[in-house]
């Protein structure tokens, strides 16, 4: 069993780009040279899954505070097989793809990461 677990870890490490971040919901976040970051499509995932990964990245990888605003810069709707690109800048922001009252162009990092918790509560 130890060998298979070690082989799985090695396979996963090789499958990720060098600068990629693995979010706690198993989605990958890939930083881009222009300051944006993308959550590529990896199987069945809804908008909340992508936002969860983005929030986790902002907290754990970037170490930014909970009130940091995250903007979606790839427009909804996301087509099948496509990821979502995010930014910490409002430049080029589009609608979040989430049901939000008020300004629907961004959410706080805390809100995004809380979507991970909602998914866990529903699954239990």
Protein backbone atom coordinates (compact mmCIF):
# COMPACT_ATOMS: atom_id res chain seq x y z
CA UNK A 1 0.00 0.00 0.00
CA UNK A 2 2.83 2.42 0.82
CA UNK A 3 4.33 1.97 -2.63
CA UNK A 4 1.03 2.72 -4.37
CA UNK A 5 0.48 5.85 -2.25
CA UNK A 6 4.01 7.05 -2.99
CA UNK A 7 3.52 6.35 -6.69
CA UNK A 8 0.24 8.27 -6.67
CA UNK A 9 1.89 11.28 -5.01
CA UNK A 10 4.74 11.21 -7.52
CA UNK A 11 2.29 10.99 -10.43
CA UNK A 12 0.24 13.91 -9.14
CA UNK A 13 3.37 16.02 -8.60
CA UNK A 14 4.51 15.38 -12.16
CA UNK A 15 1.05 16.16 -13.57
CA UNK A 16 0.96 19.68 -12.11
CA UNK A 17 2.75 22.65 -13.63
CA UNK A 18 5.73 23.73 -11.49
CA UNK A 19 4.04 26.85 -10.13
CA UNK A 20 0.55 25.35 -9.69
CA UNK A 21 -1.31 25.29 -6.37
CA UNK A 22 -3.57 22.39 -5.36
CA UNK A 23 -6.65 23.74 -3.59
CA UNK A 24 -8.28 21.79 -0.81
CA UNK A 25 -11.12 20.79 -3.14
CA UNK A 26 -8.51 19.18 -5.47
CA UNK A 27 -8.81 21.82 -8.18
CA UNK A 28 -5.57 23.32 -9.45
CA UNK A 29 -4.82 27.04 -9.51
CA UNK A 30 -2.24 28.23 -12.03
CA UNK A 31 -0.78 31.75 -11.64
CA UNK A 32 -0.24 33.69 -14.87
CA UNK A 33 2.51 36.18 -15.73
CA UNK A 34 -0.02 39.01 -16.05
CA UNK A 35 -1.08 38.69 -12.39
CA UNK A 36 -4.24 36.70 -13.06
CA UNK A 37 -4.71 33.09 -12.00
CA UNK A 38 -6.69 30.32 -13.66
CA UNK A 39 -8.57 27.37 -12.28
CA UNK A 40 -8.60 24.90 -15.19
CA UNK A 41 -11.48 22.50 -15.73
CA UNK A 42 -10.96 19.14 -14.03
CA UNK A 43 -14.15 17.13 -14.32
CA UNK A 44 -17.58 18.01 -13.00
CA UNK A 45 -17.31 21.35 -11.22
CA UNK A 46 -19.74 24.20 -10.70
CA UNK A 47 -18.97 27.89 -10.32
CA UNK A 48 -18.77 27.54 -6.54
CA UNK A 49 -16.01 24.92 -6.90
CA UNK A 50 -13.89 27.32 -8.97
CA UNK A 51 -14.48 30.14 -6.49
CA UNK A 52 -13.59 27.82 -3.59
CA UNK A 53 -10.23 27.06 -5.24
CA UNK A 54 -9.62 30.76 -5.95
CA UNK A 55 -10.35 31.70 -2.33
CA UNK A 56 -8.14 28.92 -1.00
CA UNK A 57 -5.31 30.10 -3.27
CA UNK A 58 -5.62 33.70 -2.08
CA UNK A 59 -5.55 32.59 1.58
CA UNK A 60 -3.06 29.75 1.68
CA UNK A 61 -0.74 30.47 -1.23
CA UNK A 62 -0.73 34.26 -1.40
CA UNK A 63 -1.31 34.79 2.33
CA UNK A 64 -3.69 37.69 1.74
CA UNK A 65 -6.37 38.84 4.25
CA UNK A 66 -10.01 37.65 4.19
CA UNK A 67 -11.34 40.96 2.83
CA UNK A 68 -9.20 40.73 -0.34
CA UNK A 69 -11.50 41.07 -3.36
CA UNK A 70 -11.32 38.41 -6.07
CA UNK A 71 -12.63 39.27 -9.53
CA UNK A 72 -13.66 36.92 -12.32
CA UNK A 73 -12.12 38.04 -15.60
CA UNK A 74 -13.30 35.26 -17.90
CA UNK A 75 -16.93 35.92 -18.68
CA UNK A 76 -19.79 33.64 -17.75
CA UNK A 77 -21.18 31.34 -18.72
CA UNK A 78 -18.28 28.94 -18.56
CA UNK A 79 -18.51 26.51 -21.43
CA UNK A 80 -18.12 22.79 -20.81
CA UNK A 81 -14.47 21.89 -20.40
CA UNK A 82 -13.32 25.47 -19.76
CA UNK A 83 -11.75 26.87 -16.62
CA UNK A 84 -12.22 30.28 -15.01
CA UNK A 85 -9.65 33.07 -14.83
CA UNK A 86 -9.55 35.30 -11.76
CA UNK A 87 -7.72 38.49 -10.76
CA UNK A 88 -7.15 40.63 -7.70
CA UNK A 89 -7.70 43.70 -9.88
CA UNK A 90 -11.11 44.97 -11.06
CA UNK A 91 -9.69 45.64 -14.54
CA UNK A 92 -11.62 43.52 -17.04
CA UNK A 93 -13.91 42.05 -14.37
CA UNK A 94 -17.14 40.36 -15.43
CA UNK A 95 -20.06 38.92 -13.48
CA UNK A 96 -19.12 36.28 -10.90
CA UNK A 97 -21.45 33.57 -12.17
CA UNK A 98 -22.81 33.28 -8.61
CA UNK A 99 -26.13 34.51 -7.28
CA UNK A 100 -25.11 37.67 -5.40
CA UNK A 101 -27.13 40.75 -4.56
CA UNK A 102 -25.41 44.07 -5.21
CA UNK A 103 -22.10 44.34 -7.05
CA UNK A 104 -21.79 41.01 -8.85
CA UNK A 105 -18.22 41.45 -10.13
CA UNK A 106 -16.25 40.18 -7.13
CA UNK A 107 -16.40 38.36 -3.82
CA UNK A 108 -14.12 38.54 -0.82
CA UNK A 109 -11.55 35.80 -0.35
CA UNK A 110 -13.44 34.79 2.82
CA UNK A 111 -16.70 34.43 0.86
CA UNK A 112 -14.99 32.41 -1.87
CA UNK A 113 -13.36 30.08 0.62
CA UNK A 114 -16.62 29.69 2.52
CA UNK A 115 -18.04 28.06 -0.62
CA UNK A 116 -15.72 25.12 0.17
CA UNK A 117 -17.49 24.74 3.53
CA UNK A 118 -20.95 24.85 1.95
CA UNK A 119 -20.02 22.01 -0.40
CA UNK A 120 -18.70 19.94 2.52
CA UNK A 121 -21.86 20.50 4.57
CA UNK A 122 -24.08 19.46 1.66
CA UNK A 123 -22.03 16.29 1.04
CA UNK A 124 -22.23 15.17 4.69
